[in-house]
N, C-alpha and C. Protein backbone atom coordinates (compact mmCIF):
# COMPACT_ATOMS: atom_id res chain seq x y z
N MET A 1 -108.39 -183.66 16.99
CA MET A 1 -109.26 -182.70 17.68
C MET A 1 -110.70 -183.20 17.66
N LEU A 2 -111.45 -183.02 18.72
CA LEU A 2 -112.83 -183.45 18.79
C LEU A 2 -113.68 -182.69 17.77
N GLN A 3 -114.59 -183.40 17.14
CA GLN A 3 -115.52 -182.76 16.23
C GLN A 3 -116.81 -182.48 16.98
N LEU A 4 -117.07 -181.24 17.26
CA LEU A 4 -118.19 -180.85 18.09
C LEU A 4 -119.27 -180.22 17.23
N HIS A 5 -120.47 -180.80 17.23
CA HIS A 5 -121.52 -180.35 16.32
C HIS A 5 -122.69 -179.70 17.04
N HIS A 6 -122.99 -180.13 18.24
CA HIS A 6 -124.15 -179.62 18.95
C HIS A 6 -123.77 -178.39 19.77
N ARG A 7 -124.69 -177.46 19.86
CA ARG A 7 -124.44 -176.25 20.62
C ARG A 7 -124.62 -176.53 22.10
N THR A 8 -123.99 -175.69 22.91
CA THR A 8 -124.07 -175.86 24.36
C THR A 8 -125.51 -175.75 24.84
N SER A 9 -126.27 -174.82 24.27
CA SER A 9 -127.66 -174.63 24.69
C SER A 9 -128.54 -175.83 24.35
N ASP A 10 -128.10 -176.68 23.40
CA ASP A 10 -128.84 -177.89 23.09
C ASP A 10 -128.61 -178.98 24.15
N THR A 11 -127.44 -178.93 24.77
CA THR A 11 -127.03 -180.00 25.67
C THR A 11 -127.37 -179.71 27.13
N LEU A 12 -127.25 -178.45 27.56
CA LEU A 12 -127.46 -178.13 28.97
C LEU A 12 -128.81 -178.60 29.51
N PRO A 13 -129.94 -178.38 28.79
CA PRO A 13 -131.22 -178.85 29.34
C PRO A 13 -131.26 -180.36 29.57
N ALA A 14 -130.51 -181.12 28.76
CA ALA A 14 -130.51 -182.58 28.91
C ALA A 14 -129.86 -183.01 30.21
N LEU A 15 -129.01 -182.15 30.76
CA LEU A 15 -128.33 -182.51 32.01
C LEU A 15 -129.32 -182.58 33.18
N ALA A 16 -130.38 -181.78 33.11
CA ALA A 16 -131.34 -181.75 34.21
C ALA A 16 -132.15 -183.03 34.31
N VAL A 17 -132.18 -183.81 33.22
CA VAL A 17 -132.94 -185.07 33.24
C VAL A 17 -132.04 -186.27 33.04
N ALA A 18 -130.73 -186.07 33.22
CA ALA A 18 -129.78 -187.17 33.03
C ALA A 18 -129.95 -188.22 34.12
N GLY A 19 -129.78 -189.48 33.77
CA GLY A 19 -129.81 -190.56 34.76
C GLY A 19 -131.19 -190.79 35.35
N GLU A 20 -131.20 -191.49 36.48
CA GLU A 20 -132.44 -191.82 37.17
C GLU A 20 -132.31 -191.49 38.66
N GLY A 21 -133.45 -191.40 39.32
CA GLY A 21 -133.43 -191.14 40.76
C GLY A 21 -133.56 -189.67 41.08
N PRO A 22 -133.58 -189.35 42.39
CA PRO A 22 -133.79 -187.96 42.83
C PRO A 22 -132.58 -187.06 42.58
N GLY A 23 -131.40 -187.64 42.46
CA GLY A 23 -130.20 -186.86 42.22
C GLY A 23 -129.56 -187.22 40.89
N ILE A 24 -128.70 -186.33 40.41
CA ILE A 24 -128.00 -186.55 39.15
C ILE A 24 -126.54 -186.80 39.47
N THR A 25 -126.02 -187.95 39.06
CA THR A 25 -124.62 -188.25 39.31
C THR A 25 -123.75 -187.61 38.23
N LEU A 26 -122.50 -187.38 38.59
CA LEU A 26 -121.55 -186.86 37.62
C LEU A 26 -121.34 -187.88 36.50
N ARG A 27 -121.50 -189.16 36.83
CA ARG A 27 -121.39 -190.21 35.82
C ARG A 27 -122.47 -190.03 34.73
N ALA A 28 -123.71 -189.73 35.16
CA ALA A 28 -124.80 -189.51 34.20
C ALA A 28 -124.55 -188.26 33.37
N ILE A 29 -123.99 -187.24 34.02
CA ILE A 29 -123.67 -186.00 33.30
C ILE A 29 -122.62 -186.26 32.21
N MET A 30 -121.57 -187.01 32.59
CA MET A 30 -120.50 -187.31 31.64
C MET A 30 -121.03 -188.13 30.47
N LYS A 31 -121.95 -189.06 30.75
CA LYS A 31 -122.53 -189.87 29.69
C LYS A 31 -123.34 -189.00 28.73
N THR A 32 -124.05 -188.01 29.28
CA THR A 32 -124.84 -187.10 28.45
C THR A 32 -123.94 -186.23 27.57
N LEU A 33 -122.81 -185.80 28.13
CA LEU A 33 -121.89 -184.96 27.37
C LEU A 33 -121.26 -185.72 26.21
N GLY A 34 -120.99 -187.00 26.41
CA GLY A 34 -120.44 -187.82 25.35
C GLY A 34 -119.11 -187.31 24.82
N GLU A 35 -118.97 -187.30 23.49
CA GLU A 35 -117.70 -186.92 22.87
C GLU A 35 -117.38 -185.43 23.06
N ARG A 36 -118.37 -184.66 23.47
CA ARG A 36 -118.14 -183.23 23.72
C ARG A 36 -117.71 -182.98 25.15
N GLY A 37 -117.33 -184.06 25.85
CA GLY A 37 -117.05 -183.99 27.27
C GLY A 37 -116.09 -182.90 27.69
N PHE A 38 -114.95 -182.80 27.02
CA PHE A 38 -113.95 -181.82 27.43
C PHE A 38 -114.50 -180.40 27.35
N ALA A 39 -115.02 -180.02 26.18
CA ALA A 39 -115.46 -178.64 25.97
C ALA A 39 -116.59 -178.26 26.91
N LEU A 40 -117.60 -179.14 27.02
CA LEU A 40 -118.75 -178.81 27.85
C LEU A 40 -118.45 -178.94 29.33
N LEU A 41 -117.51 -179.81 29.69
CA LEU A 41 -117.08 -179.87 31.09
C LEU A 41 -116.37 -178.59 31.48
N VAL A 42 -115.57 -178.04 30.57
CA VAL A 42 -114.92 -176.76 30.82
C VAL A 42 -115.96 -175.66 31.02
N VAL A 43 -116.98 -175.64 30.16
CA VAL A 43 -118.06 -174.66 30.31
C VAL A 43 -118.74 -174.82 31.67
N GLY A 44 -119.04 -176.06 32.02
CA GLY A 44 -119.73 -176.33 33.27
C GLY A 44 -118.94 -175.95 34.50
N LEU A 45 -117.62 -176.08 34.44
CA LEU A 45 -116.78 -175.71 35.57
C LEU A 45 -116.57 -174.20 35.65
N GLY A 46 -116.73 -173.52 34.52
CA GLY A 46 -116.58 -172.07 34.53
C GLY A 46 -117.84 -171.33 34.93
N LEU A 47 -119.00 -171.85 34.53
CA LEU A 47 -120.26 -171.15 34.75
C LEU A 47 -120.54 -170.80 36.22
N PRO A 48 -120.31 -171.71 37.19
CA PRO A 48 -120.62 -171.33 38.58
C PRO A 48 -119.80 -170.16 39.09
N ASN A 49 -118.69 -169.85 38.41
CA ASN A 49 -117.82 -168.77 38.87
C ASN A 49 -118.05 -167.46 38.14
N CYS A 50 -119.01 -167.44 37.23
CA CYS A 50 -119.30 -166.20 36.51
C CYS A 50 -120.10 -165.21 37.36
N LEU A 51 -120.64 -165.68 38.46
CA LEU A 51 -121.27 -164.83 39.47
C LEU A 51 -120.52 -165.04 40.79
N PRO A 52 -120.46 -164.04 41.64
CA PRO A 52 -119.77 -164.23 42.92
C PRO A 52 -120.35 -165.42 43.67
N MET A 53 -119.50 -166.39 43.99
CA MET A 53 -119.94 -167.60 44.66
C MET A 53 -119.15 -167.79 45.96
N PRO A 54 -119.80 -168.31 47.00
CA PRO A 54 -119.10 -168.51 48.27
C PRO A 54 -118.16 -169.70 48.20
N PRO A 55 -117.13 -169.73 49.05
CA PRO A 55 -116.29 -170.92 49.16
C PRO A 55 -117.16 -172.09 49.59
N PRO A 56 -116.83 -173.35 49.23
CA PRO A 56 -115.62 -173.76 48.49
C PRO A 56 -115.85 -173.94 47.00
N ILE A 57 -116.90 -173.34 46.42
CA ILE A 57 -117.21 -173.59 45.01
C ILE A 57 -116.05 -173.23 44.08
N PRO A 58 -115.44 -172.03 44.19
CA PRO A 58 -114.31 -171.72 43.31
C PRO A 58 -113.16 -172.71 43.49
N LEU A 59 -112.90 -173.10 44.73
CA LEU A 59 -111.81 -174.04 44.99
C LEU A 59 -112.09 -175.38 44.33
N LEU A 60 -113.29 -175.91 44.49
CA LEU A 60 -113.63 -177.20 43.91
C LEU A 60 -113.59 -177.16 42.39
N CYS A 61 -114.16 -176.09 41.82
CA CYS A 61 -114.14 -175.95 40.36
C CYS A 61 -112.71 -175.83 39.84
N GLY A 62 -111.90 -175.07 40.56
CA GLY A 62 -110.51 -174.91 40.15
C GLY A 62 -109.74 -176.21 40.20
N LEU A 63 -109.94 -177.01 41.25
CA LEU A 63 -109.24 -178.29 41.38
C LEU A 63 -109.68 -179.27 40.29
N LEU A 64 -110.97 -179.32 40.03
CA LEU A 64 -111.46 -180.20 38.97
C LEU A 64 -110.95 -179.75 37.60
N LEU A 65 -110.90 -178.43 37.41
CA LEU A 65 -110.44 -177.90 36.12
C LEU A 65 -108.95 -178.21 35.91
N ILE A 66 -108.16 -178.17 36.97
CA ILE A 66 -106.75 -178.56 36.85
C ILE A 66 -106.66 -179.99 36.33
N PHE A 67 -107.46 -180.87 36.89
CA PHE A 67 -107.47 -182.28 36.53
C PHE A 67 -107.87 -182.46 35.06
N VAL A 68 -108.91 -181.73 34.63
CA VAL A 68 -109.39 -181.82 33.25
C VAL A 68 -108.37 -181.21 32.28
N ALA A 69 -107.81 -180.06 32.66
CA ALA A 69 -106.84 -179.38 31.78
C ALA A 69 -105.59 -180.24 31.57
N LEU A 70 -105.17 -180.94 32.62
CA LEU A 70 -104.00 -181.81 32.49
C LEU A 70 -104.24 -182.89 31.44
N GLN A 71 -105.44 -183.43 31.41
CA GLN A 71 -105.77 -184.45 30.41
C GLN A 71 -105.77 -183.86 29.00
N MET A 72 -106.18 -182.60 28.89
CA MET A 72 -106.12 -181.94 27.58
C MET A 72 -104.68 -181.76 27.14
N VAL A 73 -103.81 -181.36 28.07
CA VAL A 73 -102.40 -181.19 27.76
C VAL A 73 -101.79 -182.51 27.29
N LEU A 74 -102.24 -183.61 27.90
CA LEU A 74 -101.72 -184.94 27.53
C LEU A 74 -102.32 -185.46 26.23
N GLY A 75 -103.33 -184.73 25.71
CA GLY A 75 -103.90 -185.10 24.42
C GLY A 75 -104.96 -186.18 24.47
N TRP A 76 -105.59 -186.38 25.63
CA TRP A 76 -106.65 -187.39 25.73
C TRP A 76 -107.86 -186.96 24.91
N ASN A 77 -108.57 -187.94 24.35
CA ASN A 77 -109.74 -187.63 23.51
C ASN A 77 -111.00 -187.38 24.33
N THR A 78 -111.14 -188.04 25.46
CA THR A 78 -112.30 -187.86 26.32
C THR A 78 -111.82 -187.72 27.76
N PRO A 79 -112.52 -186.94 28.56
CA PRO A 79 -112.09 -186.74 29.95
C PRO A 79 -112.34 -187.98 30.80
N TRP A 80 -111.48 -188.16 31.79
CA TRP A 80 -111.62 -189.26 32.75
C TRP A 80 -111.67 -188.66 34.15
N LEU A 81 -112.59 -189.14 34.96
CA LEU A 81 -112.69 -188.73 36.35
C LEU A 81 -112.73 -189.97 37.22
N PRO A 82 -112.16 -189.92 38.42
CA PRO A 82 -112.17 -191.10 39.30
C PRO A 82 -113.58 -191.47 39.73
N GLY A 83 -113.75 -192.76 40.04
CA GLY A 83 -115.07 -193.28 40.37
C GLY A 83 -115.76 -192.58 41.52
N PHE A 84 -115.00 -192.21 42.56
CA PHE A 84 -115.63 -191.58 43.72
C PHE A 84 -116.23 -190.22 43.37
N LEU A 85 -115.67 -189.56 42.34
CA LEU A 85 -116.26 -188.30 41.89
C LEU A 85 -117.46 -188.55 40.99
N LEU A 86 -117.37 -189.57 40.16
CA LEU A 86 -118.47 -189.87 39.24
C LEU A 86 -119.74 -190.25 39.98
N ASP A 87 -119.59 -190.77 41.19
CA ASP A 87 -120.76 -191.19 41.96
C ASP A 87 -121.34 -190.07 42.83
N LYS A 88 -120.72 -188.91 42.83
CA LYS A 88 -121.26 -187.77 43.57
C LYS A 88 -122.53 -187.27 42.88
N THR A 89 -123.49 -186.84 43.68
CA THR A 89 -124.77 -186.42 43.12
C THR A 89 -125.07 -184.96 43.43
N VAL A 90 -125.91 -184.38 42.58
CA VAL A 90 -126.45 -183.05 42.81
C VAL A 90 -127.95 -183.16 42.60
N SER A 91 -128.73 -182.42 43.37
CA SER A 91 -130.18 -182.52 43.26
C SER A 91 -130.64 -181.99 41.90
N ARG A 92 -131.74 -182.56 41.42
CA ARG A 92 -132.27 -182.12 40.13
C ARG A 92 -132.74 -180.67 40.18
N ALA A 93 -133.27 -180.27 41.34
CA ALA A 93 -133.73 -178.89 41.48
C ALA A 93 -132.56 -177.92 41.37
N THR A 94 -131.44 -178.27 42.00
CA THR A 94 -130.24 -177.42 41.94
C THR A 94 -129.73 -177.33 40.51
N MET A 95 -129.69 -178.48 39.83
CA MET A 95 -129.21 -178.50 38.45
C MET A 95 -130.14 -177.69 37.54
N ALA A 96 -131.46 -177.85 37.72
CA ALA A 96 -132.41 -177.12 36.89
C ALA A 96 -132.28 -175.61 37.11
N ASN A 97 -132.11 -175.19 38.36
CA ASN A 97 -131.97 -173.77 38.67
C ASN A 97 -130.68 -173.21 38.06
N PHE A 98 -129.62 -173.99 38.16
CA PHE A 98 -128.33 -173.58 37.59
C PHE A 98 -128.45 -173.40 36.07
N ILE A 99 -129.09 -174.37 35.41
CA ILE A 99 -129.23 -174.31 33.96
C ILE A 99 -130.10 -173.13 33.55
N GLU A 100 -131.18 -172.90 34.29
CA GLU A 100 -132.08 -171.79 33.98
C GLU A 100 -131.35 -170.45 34.06
N ARG A 101 -130.48 -170.29 35.05
CA ARG A 101 -129.72 -169.05 35.19
C ARG A 101 -128.66 -168.92 34.11
N ALA A 102 -128.10 -170.04 33.69
CA ALA A 102 -126.98 -170.00 32.74
C ALA A 102 -127.43 -169.82 31.30
N MET A 103 -128.59 -170.35 30.95
CA MET A 103 -129.02 -170.41 29.55
C MET A 103 -129.07 -169.05 28.84
N PRO A 104 -129.61 -167.98 29.46
CA PRO A 104 -129.63 -166.69 28.74
C PRO A 104 -128.24 -166.21 28.34
N TRP A 105 -127.26 -166.38 29.22
CA TRP A 105 -125.90 -165.95 28.92
C TRP A 105 -125.27 -166.82 27.85
N VAL A 106 -125.52 -168.12 27.94
CA VAL A 106 -124.97 -169.04 26.94
C VAL A 106 -125.54 -168.71 25.56
N ARG A 107 -126.84 -168.46 25.48
CA ARG A 107 -127.47 -168.16 24.19
C ARG A 107 -126.93 -166.85 23.61
N LYS A 108 -126.69 -165.85 24.46
CA LYS A 108 -126.14 -164.58 23.97
C LYS A 108 -124.77 -164.80 23.35
N LEU A 109 -123.94 -165.60 24.01
CA LEU A 109 -122.61 -165.87 23.48
C LEU A 109 -122.69 -166.69 22.19
N GLU A 110 -123.62 -167.61 22.14
CA GLU A 110 -123.76 -168.45 20.94
C GLU A 110 -124.17 -167.64 19.72
N ARG A 111 -124.88 -166.54 19.95
CA ARG A 111 -125.33 -165.72 18.82
C ARG A 111 -124.15 -165.06 18.09
N VAL A 112 -123.05 -164.84 18.81
CA VAL A 112 -121.89 -164.22 18.16
C VAL A 112 -120.81 -165.24 17.83
N ALA A 113 -120.98 -166.48 18.28
CA ALA A 113 -119.98 -167.51 18.04
C ALA A 113 -120.23 -168.20 16.71
N LYS A 114 -119.15 -168.51 16.00
CA LYS A 114 -119.24 -169.25 14.74
C LYS A 114 -117.87 -169.84 14.43
N PRO A 115 -117.83 -170.89 13.63
CA PRO A 115 -116.53 -171.47 13.27
C PRO A 115 -115.64 -170.46 12.56
N ARG A 116 -114.50 -170.16 13.13
CA ARG A 116 -113.55 -169.22 12.52
C ARG A 116 -112.19 -169.40 13.20
N PHE A 117 -111.15 -168.92 12.52
CA PHE A 117 -109.80 -169.05 13.04
C PHE A 117 -109.57 -170.51 13.43
N GLY A 118 -109.31 -171.35 12.47
CA GLY A 118 -109.27 -172.80 12.69
C GLY A 118 -108.22 -173.30 13.65
N ILE A 119 -107.69 -172.44 14.52
CA ILE A 119 -106.66 -172.87 15.46
C ILE A 119 -107.15 -173.96 16.40
N VAL A 120 -108.45 -174.02 16.67
CA VAL A 120 -108.95 -175.01 17.63
C VAL A 120 -109.05 -176.39 17.01
N ASP A 121 -108.80 -176.53 15.72
CA ASP A 121 -108.96 -177.82 15.06
C ASP A 121 -107.70 -178.68 15.10
N SER A 122 -106.59 -178.16 15.58
CA SER A 122 -105.36 -178.94 15.61
C SER A 122 -105.12 -179.53 17.00
N ARG A 123 -104.45 -180.66 17.02
CA ARG A 123 -104.14 -181.32 18.28
C ARG A 123 -103.20 -180.47 19.14
N LEU A 124 -102.22 -179.81 18.49
CA LEU A 124 -101.29 -178.97 19.23
C LEU A 124 -102.03 -177.82 19.90
N ALA A 125 -102.96 -177.18 19.16
CA ALA A 125 -103.74 -176.08 19.74
C ALA A 125 -104.56 -176.56 20.92
N PHE A 126 -105.14 -177.75 20.80
CA PHE A 126 -105.93 -178.33 21.89
C PHE A 126 -105.08 -178.46 23.16
N ARG A 127 -103.84 -178.90 22.99
CA ARG A 127 -102.95 -179.06 24.15
C ARG A 127 -102.53 -177.69 24.72
N LEU A 128 -102.30 -176.73 23.85
CA LEU A 128 -101.92 -175.40 24.32
C LEU A 128 -103.09 -174.74 25.06
N ILE A 129 -104.30 -174.95 24.56
CA ILE A 129 -105.47 -174.42 25.26
C ILE A 129 -105.59 -175.08 26.63
N GLY A 130 -105.30 -176.38 26.70
CA GLY A 130 -105.29 -177.07 27.99
C GLY A 130 -104.28 -176.46 28.95
N SER A 131 -103.11 -176.06 28.43
CA SER A 131 -102.09 -175.42 29.27
C SER A 131 -102.60 -174.09 29.83
N ALA A 132 -103.27 -173.30 28.96
CA ALA A 132 -103.82 -172.03 29.42
C ALA A 132 -104.89 -172.27 30.49
N LEU A 133 -105.74 -173.27 30.27
CA LEU A 133 -106.78 -173.58 31.25
C LEU A 133 -106.18 -174.03 32.58
N MET A 134 -105.06 -174.74 32.51
CA MET A 134 -104.41 -175.17 33.75
C MET A 134 -103.93 -173.96 34.55
N MET A 135 -103.34 -172.99 33.86
CA MET A 135 -102.89 -171.78 34.53
C MET A 135 -104.07 -171.03 35.15
N PHE A 136 -105.17 -170.91 34.41
CA PHE A 136 -106.33 -170.19 34.92
C PHE A 136 -106.98 -170.93 36.08
N SER A 137 -106.94 -172.26 36.05
CA SER A 137 -107.55 -173.03 37.15
C SER A 137 -106.75 -172.88 38.43
N VAL A 138 -105.42 -172.82 38.32
CA VAL A 138 -104.59 -172.56 39.51
C VAL A 138 -104.91 -171.17 40.06
N ALA A 139 -105.05 -170.20 39.16
CA ALA A 139 -105.40 -168.84 39.59
C ALA A 139 -106.78 -168.83 40.24
N LEU A 140 -107.70 -169.66 39.74
CA LEU A 140 -109.04 -169.73 40.32
C LEU A 140 -108.99 -170.25 41.75
N VAL A 141 -108.13 -171.22 42.00
CA VAL A 141 -107.96 -171.75 43.35
C VAL A 141 -107.46 -170.67 44.31
N CYS A 142 -106.62 -169.77 43.78
CA CYS A 142 -106.00 -168.73 44.62
C CYS A 142 -106.74 -167.40 44.58
N ALA A 143 -107.88 -167.35 43.87
CA ALA A 143 -108.57 -166.08 43.66
C ALA A 143 -109.18 -165.54 44.95
N ALA A 144 -109.35 -164.23 44.99
CA ALA A 144 -110.00 -163.58 46.14
C ALA A 144 -111.44 -164.09 46.25
N PRO A 145 -111.92 -164.34 47.46
CA PRO A 145 -113.28 -164.86 47.63
C PRO A 145 -114.34 -163.93 47.05
N PHE A 146 -115.40 -164.53 46.52
CA PHE A 146 -116.61 -163.87 46.04
C PHE A 146 -116.43 -163.11 44.72
N ILE A 147 -115.44 -162.25 44.61
CA ILE A 147 -115.31 -161.42 43.41
C ILE A 147 -114.17 -161.88 42.51
N GLY A 148 -113.09 -162.31 43.10
CA GLY A 148 -111.87 -162.61 42.33
C GLY A 148 -112.02 -163.69 41.29
N GLN A 149 -112.98 -164.62 41.51
CA GLN A 149 -113.11 -165.73 40.57
C GLN A 149 -113.92 -165.37 39.32
N VAL A 150 -114.62 -164.23 39.33
CA VAL A 150 -115.54 -163.91 38.24
C VAL A 150 -114.83 -163.80 36.88
N PRO A 151 -113.73 -162.99 36.74
CA PRO A 151 -113.09 -162.92 35.43
C PRO A 151 -112.54 -164.25 34.97
N LEU A 152 -112.06 -165.08 35.90
CA LEU A 152 -111.53 -166.38 35.53
C LEU A 152 -112.65 -167.32 35.10
N GLY A 153 -113.80 -167.23 35.78
CA GLY A 153 -114.96 -168.02 35.37
C GLY A 153 -115.42 -167.65 33.97
N VAL A 154 -115.47 -166.35 33.69
CA VAL A 154 -115.86 -165.87 32.36
C VAL A 154 -114.86 -166.38 31.31
N ALA A 155 -113.58 -166.32 31.64
CA ALA A 155 -112.54 -166.77 30.71
C ALA A 155 -112.71 -168.24 30.37
N VAL A 156 -112.94 -169.06 31.39
CA VAL A 156 -113.10 -170.50 31.19
C VAL A 156 -114.32 -170.80 30.33
N VAL A 157 -115.43 -170.10 30.59
CA VAL A 157 -116.64 -170.30 29.79
C VAL A 157 -116.40 -169.91 28.33
N LEU A 158 -115.74 -168.78 28.10
CA LEU A 158 -115.46 -168.35 26.73
C LEU A 158 -114.61 -169.39 26.00
N ILE A 159 -113.61 -169.92 26.67
CA ILE A 159 -112.76 -170.93 26.04
C ILE A 159 -113.55 -172.20 25.75
N GLY A 160 -114.36 -172.64 26.73
CA GLY A 160 -115.16 -173.83 26.52
C GLY A 160 -116.14 -173.68 25.38
N LEU A 161 -116.83 -172.54 25.32
CA LEU A 161 -117.78 -172.30 24.23
C LEU A 161 -117.05 -172.17 22.89
N GLY A 162 -115.85 -171.60 22.93
CA GLY A 162 -115.06 -171.51 21.71
C GLY A 162 -114.71 -172.89 21.17
N LEU A 163 -114.44 -173.83 22.07
CA LEU A 163 -114.17 -175.21 21.65
C LEU A 163 -115.43 -175.87 21.09
N VAL A 164 -116.56 -175.64 21.76
CA VAL A 164 -117.82 -176.22 21.29
C VAL A 164 -118.15 -175.70 19.89
N GLU A 165 -118.02 -174.39 19.70
CA GLU A 165 -118.42 -173.75 18.44
C GLU A 165 -117.28 -173.72 17.42
N ARG A 166 -116.12 -174.23 17.81
CA ARG A 166 -114.92 -174.20 16.95
C ARG A 166 -114.61 -172.76 16.54
N ASP A 167 -114.70 -171.87 17.52
CA ASP A 167 -114.50 -170.44 17.30
C ASP A 167 -113.18 -170.02 17.94
N GLY A 168 -112.14 -169.92 17.12
CA GLY A 168 -110.82 -169.56 17.63
C GLY A 168 -110.79 -168.17 18.22
N LEU A 169 -111.59 -167.25 17.67
CA LEU A 169 -111.61 -165.88 18.19
C LEU A 169 -112.17 -165.86 19.61
N LEU A 170 -113.19 -166.66 19.86
CA LEU A 170 -113.78 -166.74 21.20
C LEU A 170 -112.76 -167.33 22.18
N VAL A 171 -112.01 -168.34 21.74
CA VAL A 171 -110.98 -168.93 22.59
C VAL A 171 -109.91 -167.90 22.93
N LEU A 172 -109.46 -167.15 21.92
CA LEU A 172 -108.44 -166.12 22.16
C LEU A 172 -108.96 -165.04 23.10
N GLY A 173 -110.24 -164.68 22.95
CA GLY A 173 -110.84 -163.70 23.86
C GLY A 173 -110.86 -164.23 25.29
N GLY A 174 -111.19 -165.52 25.44
CA GLY A 174 -111.19 -166.13 26.77
C GLY A 174 -109.80 -166.13 27.38
N ILE A 175 -108.80 -166.42 26.58
CA ILE A 175 -107.42 -166.42 27.09
C ILE A 175 -107.02 -165.02 27.53
N ALA A 176 -107.42 -163.99 26.77
CA ALA A 176 -107.11 -162.61 27.15
C ALA A 176 -107.75 -162.25 28.48
N VAL A 177 -109.04 -162.60 28.65
CA VAL A 177 -109.73 -162.33 29.92
C VAL A 177 -109.07 -163.13 31.04
N GLY A 178 -108.68 -164.36 30.74
CA GLY A 178 -108.03 -165.19 31.75
C GLY A 178 -106.71 -164.62 32.23
N LEU A 179 -105.95 -164.01 31.32
CA LEU A 179 -104.68 -163.40 31.71
C LEU A 179 -104.91 -162.23 32.67
N VAL A 180 -105.97 -161.46 32.41
CA VAL A 180 -106.32 -160.37 33.32
C VAL A 180 -106.71 -160.93 34.68
N GLY A 181 -107.56 -161.97 34.68
CA GLY A 181 -107.98 -162.59 35.93
C GLY A 181 -106.82 -163.19 36.69
N THR A 182 -105.87 -163.80 35.97
CA THR A 182 -104.69 -164.37 36.61
C THR A 182 -103.85 -163.28 37.26
N ALA A 183 -103.69 -162.15 36.57
CA ALA A 183 -102.94 -161.03 37.14
C ALA A 183 -103.59 -160.52 38.42
N LEU A 184 -104.93 -160.43 38.42
CA LEU A 184 -105.64 -160.00 39.62
C LEU A 184 -105.45 -161.01 40.76
N SER A 185 -105.48 -162.29 40.41
CA SER A 185 -105.30 -163.34 41.41
C SER A 185 -103.90 -163.29 42.00
N LEU A 186 -102.90 -163.07 41.15
CA LEU A 186 -101.52 -162.95 41.64
C LEU A 186 -101.38 -161.74 42.55
N GLY A 187 -102.06 -160.65 42.20
CA GLY A 187 -102.02 -159.47 43.05
C GLY A 187 -102.62 -159.74 44.41
N PHE A 188 -103.70 -160.53 44.45
CA PHE A 188 -104.33 -160.89 45.72
C PHE A 188 -103.39 -161.73 46.57
N VAL A 189 -102.74 -162.72 45.94
CA VAL A 189 -101.78 -163.57 46.67
C VAL A 189 -100.61 -162.75 47.18
N PHE A 190 -100.12 -161.81 46.34
CA PHE A 190 -98.99 -160.97 46.75
C PHE A 190 -99.38 -160.09 47.93
N ALA A 191 -100.60 -159.55 47.90
CA ALA A 191 -101.06 -158.71 49.00
C ALA A 191 -101.17 -159.52 50.29
N LEU A 192 -101.66 -160.76 50.19
CA LEU A 192 -101.74 -161.60 51.38
C LEU A 192 -100.37 -161.91 51.94
N ALA A 193 -99.44 -162.23 51.02
CA ALA A 193 -98.08 -162.56 51.45
C ALA A 193 -97.41 -161.35 52.10
N THR A 194 -97.59 -160.18 51.52
CA THR A 194 -97.00 -158.96 52.05
C THR A 194 -97.59 -158.64 53.43
N GLY A 195 -98.92 -158.79 53.56
CA GLY A 195 -99.56 -158.55 54.85
C GLY A 195 -99.10 -159.52 55.90
N ALA A 196 -98.95 -160.79 55.54
CA ALA A 196 -98.48 -161.80 56.50
C ALA A 196 -97.06 -161.52 56.93
N ALA A 197 -96.21 -161.10 55.98
CA ALA A 197 -94.83 -160.79 56.31
C ALA A 197 -94.75 -159.60 57.26
N ALA A 198 -95.63 -158.62 57.06
CA ALA A 198 -95.62 -157.43 57.91
C ALA A 198 -96.05 -157.78 59.35
N ILE A 199 -96.96 -158.74 59.46
CA ILE A 199 -97.45 -159.14 60.79
C ILE A 199 -96.41 -159.96 61.54
N PHE A 200 -95.80 -160.89 60.85
CA PHE A 200 -94.89 -161.82 61.51
C PHE A 200 -93.42 -161.43 61.40
């Protein structure tokens, strides 16, 4: 299991100045995350969905999270992303604005987070958490636009922060919220399927 020592709020500001040039590449972000890559990447993919966001943001985050979660299930120590994704850039202004909006919420969660329930310290638990994240990421892809992704985004952030802080209770709380979000997502898909069947 990864040994994570730095808090999320210590690392997020560094992302705004990662790399060189007018834009920040995902490669520079991954280098900044270092050995905490999995946990903080999970947090980063969940945060944009904690507020209602327009398509295709939930879809993109969900697809990337599936890819990351699969690597966790396989027991990889650090996340791997293909080169064409690593070379994608985001403007520094966008990153700074995102971090500024996220930091108050991250700090509030960190105040209640602490190492407990050592379930996150085992390799088996790490893989099981990856399985849960994979389920939630699929639900995120299928979530109702604007509102449906919010509980799943919150769940992913709680799990990611739980991994960073080695807080098993926070991880379990995230999984509980994720199950609710998944149920809502399934209900949305069922409603769409039922409506389509009625039309055709």
